[in-house]
Amino acid sequence: MSWMWLVTAASLAGVVMNIYKHPMCFAVWCGTNLAWMVYDIRIGAYPQAAMFFVYLVTSVWGLWKWTREAGAKRSRLEDIKLNVVVDKREFCEQLDSLREFVAAMPDDSER
């Protein structure tokens, strides 16, 4: 079996990873696009090698963009979690104040 069949399988695995929005697809594509580019140069298919070079560049770009955006989303998620914690703390403080107010009210039996 030719090693290019393995590259083909890896390329398709990258597509499946992309469908599931897994940023590792771009790392897989970097490797497979490089392999296809080298293979095309060796067989003299220079236009196709140029195409796989462009795919390689876009794979690097995608990897950079997705990992950067994932970091930003993580940061926004941490901000949301912080707001929830602050809101929860404020809620607990208000609840404690309400309990104190209710405790200070005269009992129905005293009326």
Protein backbone atom coordinates (compact mmCIF):
# COMPACT_ATOMS: atom_id res chain seq x y z
CA MET A 1 0.00 0.00 0.00
CA SER A 2 1.34 3.42 -0.95
CA TRP A 3 2.03 5.92 1.83
CA MET A 4 -0.16 8.36 -0.09
CA TRP A 5 -3.18 6.28 0.92
CA LEU A 6 -2.29 7.09 4.53
CA VAL A 7 -2.04 10.78 3.61
CA THR A 8 -5.45 10.50 1.93
CA ALA A 9 -6.95 8.92 5.06
CA ALA A 10 -5.40 11.63 7.24
CA SER A 11 -6.76 14.34 4.90
CA LEU A 12 -10.26 12.90 5.24
CA ALA A 13 -9.84 12.63 9.02
CA GLY A 14 -9.07 16.35 8.98
CA VAL A 15 -12.36 16.97 7.17
CA VAL A 16 -14.27 15.01 9.82
CA MET A 17 -12.47 16.93 12.58
CA ASN A 18 -13.49 20.17 10.87
CA ILE A 19 -17.12 19.06 10.75
CA TYR A 20 -16.92 18.61 14.53
CA LYS A 21 -15.18 22.02 14.84
CA HIS A 22 -11.99 20.52 16.26
CA PRO A 23 -9.07 22.94 15.69
CA MET A 24 -6.66 20.00 15.37
CA CYS A 25 -8.02 19.55 11.82
CA PHE A 26 -5.77 22.40 10.73
CA ALA A 27 -2.68 20.73 12.19
CA VAL A 28 -3.59 17.52 10.35
CA TRP A 29 -4.12 19.47 7.15
CA CYS A 30 -0.75 21.21 7.54
CA GLY A 31 0.92 17.81 7.47
CA THR A 32 -1.19 16.35 4.68
CA ASN A 33 -0.99 19.45 2.48
CA LEU A 34 2.78 19.45 2.86
CA ALA A 35 2.90 15.75 1.93
CA TRP A 36 0.69 16.30 -1.12
CA MET A 37 2.79 19.29 -2.18
CA VAL A 38 6.02 17.26 -1.99
CA TYR A 39 4.41 14.34 -3.82
CA ASP A 40 3.13 16.63 -6.59
CA ILE A 41 6.56 18.22 -7.03
CA ARG A 42 8.14 14.75 -7.29
CA ILE A 43 5.73 13.68 -10.04
CA GLY A 44 5.98 17.02 -11.84
CA ALA A 45 2.45 18.23 -11.12
CA TYR A 46 3.56 21.78 -10.35
CA PRO A 47 0.17 23.54 -10.62
CA GLN A 48 -1.30 21.06 -8.14
CA ALA A 49 1.77 21.47 -5.89
CA ALA A 50 1.13 25.23 -5.94
CA MET A 51 -2.48 24.61 -4.96
CA PHE A 52 -1.41 22.45 -2.01
CA PHE A 53 1.05 25.18 -0.99
CA VAL A 54 -1.88 27.61 -0.82
CA TYR A 55 -3.84 25.00 1.16
CA LEU A 56 -0.86 24.69 3.53
CA VAL A 57 -0.81 28.45 4.07
CA THR A 58 -4.57 28.54 4.69
CA SER A 59 -4.24 25.61 7.13
CA VAL A 60 -1.64 27.52 9.14
CA TRP A 61 -3.88 30.59 9.01
CA GLY A 62 -6.90 28.54 10.18
CA LEU A 63 -4.93 26.97 13.02
CA TRP A 64 -3.77 30.41 14.17
CA LYS A 65 -7.25 31.94 13.87
CA TRP A 66 -9.14 29.13 15.59
CA THR A 67 -6.71 28.83 18.49
CA ARG A 68 -6.74 32.61 18.96
CA GLU A 69 -10.54 32.70 18.91
CA ALA A 70 -10.73 29.74 21.30
CA GLY A 71 -8.57 31.70 23.76
CA ALA A 72 -10.87 34.72 23.43
CA LYS A 73 -13.96 32.55 23.98
CA ARG A 74 -12.34 31.03 27.06
CA SER A 75 -11.66 34.53 28.35
CA ARG A 76 -15.28 35.61 27.73
CA LEU A 77 -16.51 32.44 29.43
CA GLU A 78 -14.35 33.21 32.47
CA ASP A 79 -15.86 36.72 32.57
CA ILE A 80 -19.35 35.23 32.49
CA LYS A 81 -18.45 32.80 35.28
CA LEU A 82 -17.06 35.69 37.32
CA ASN A 83 -20.29 37.65 36.82
CA VAL A 84 -22.31 34.63 37.94
CA VAL A 85 -20.18 34.30 41.07
CA VAL A 86 -20.55 38.01 41.83
CA ASP A 87 -24.30 37.85 41.18
CA LYS A 88 -24.56 34.76 43.39
CA ARG A 89 -22.66 36.52 46.17
CA GLU A 90 -24.95 39.56 45.90
CA PHE A 91 -27.99 37.29 45.88
CA CYS A 92 -26.79 35.54 49.04
CA GLU A 93 -26.21 38.88 50.75
CA GLN A 94 -29.71 40.04 49.83
CA LEU A 95 -31.13 36.71 50.99
CA ASP A 96 -29.37 37.11 54.35
CA SER A 97 -30.81 40.63 54.69
CA LEU A 98 -34.28 39.26 53.91
CA ARG A 99 -33.87 36.52 56.54
CA GLU A 100 -32.86 39.12 59.12
CA PHE A 101 -35.89 41.22 58.19
CA VAL A 102 -38.25 38.26 58.48
CA ALA A 103 -36.68 37.22 61.79
CA ALA A 104 -37.24 40.73 63.17
CA MET A 105 -40.95 40.69 62.28
CA PRO A 106 -43.35 40.08 65.14
CA ASP A 107 -44.69 36.55 65.41
CA ASP A 108 -48.40 36.03 64.52
CA SER A 109 -49.05 34.60 67.96
CA GLU A 110 -47.96 37.87 69.59
CA ARG A 111 -50.75 39.84 67.86
